[in-house]
Structure formats: structure tokens, C-alpha cells
Amino acid sequence: MKKASSRPPRQADQGAQTKGALTRAAILDVALDLAASHGLEGLTIGTIAERMKMSKSGIFAHFGSREDLQVEVVREYFRRFESKLFQTALLQPKGLPRLQRMIDLWMQTRIRELNSGCIFISGAVEFDDRPGIVRDELVHSVQNWRAALARAIQQAIEVGDLKKTCQPEAMLFQIYSFVLGLHHDVRFLKQQESIALAQQAIQRTIDENRARP
């Protein structure tokens, strides 16, 4: 039996792998942009190939199907979302500082995406009653974010920043509803004043649950 070579990959092989990774990342960037403005269902291999100046077969070489591409777009969106929000907020101490930072960063992201669109929100509309791996990935991502918020609320109770009577799930529901309402009113109804209204409502919810000295 021939012994496997222990030599490192040839430079040409490494170059090809690097080029492939860069091309895949570039495809995902284009797909994320399209999904934000046209929804996950607006993703087509033809449109991406045109944007990338590639053949359709070239796109399929990196993503086996349109559904695989949609799943990867959701995963990449969540990776970036997690990096911007989770990792930054974790630098704050447990309690209200961390919770407030998470909410502030979340609101900044939502406001920034009011013009382009949010994949989590549009995806919930597109796939709310459509079982499959795309819906599963969307649900998984959103549940991870909601769980992180609920955990931050619970920690704020435990360190004494929020009242012991505060109910994490109820508080999470209120805050999440305000953010969804902001997205609806500004994007659909073009009511820009809803940004300030949502910010005030969220802060009022936090203050109402804040522990008194």
C-alpha cells in the first residue's frame, strides 16, 4: 500500500484554494446585497452570475443549488450580525451595561438596514409557512439572538440591575415587538418619526423594569 505523502500542498494548490475561497466570499457578498433588497426568494443564480461576470456553472461550483446558497446567505448574515453585536456587547459587564449595549447596537443595525432591508425580517415573511432547510436556518439564527437577549435580561436581574419581578420573556417580547414595529412603519409606511418612538418605547421598558436603589 502506497504511503500518503507528508509533504505540504504545492504552492499552486494553495493558490487555487485561496482563489476559490475569495471567489466564494465575493459571491456571498453579492448574494447578501441582493437578499437584503429583494429577499431570499429574490436570489437567482443567473442574477448573481451576471453581477459576478461568471457563468452559472461557475456559481454552482461553489454552491450546489439555489437552496444551498440561500442557507449560506442566512449563515453569513448571522455570522456578521453576531460579530457586530454579540462580541462587542460581551466586552461590557453583565447586567444593564451589556443589555443596553446589545439593544443599542441592534437598533443601530436596524436603522442602518431600513433602506436596504433585513434578511431576518423579510425571511420570516417569505418562509413563515414553508418547511425546509432555509426556514430552519432562519429560525435557528433568530432564536439564537432572542436567547442571547433573554440571557442578558436574566443576568441583569441576577446582578440587581433589573427588578426581581421582571419577566425576561415578557420584556424580550416587548422590545422585539417595538423593533419589528419600527421596521414596518418606516419601511412600509415611510413614517420616519417611528425611529424615535421605538427608541423611546424601548428605553421606557428598560426603565420600568430597572431596580430602584
Foldseek 3Di string as FASTA:
>chain_A
DDDDDPDDDDPVVVVVVVVLVVVLVVLLVVQLQQCLAPNLVSDDLVVSCVVVVHDSVVVCVNAVDSVSSLLVNLVVLLVVVCVQQVVVLVVDDQAPSSLVSNLVSVLVVLVVSLVRHDRLVRVCVVCVPPDDDSVVSSVVSVVVSLVVNLVSHVRNCVVQFFPVPDDSVVLSVQLVVLSVVLSCCCNPVVPPCSSVVSVVSNVVSSVVGTGDD
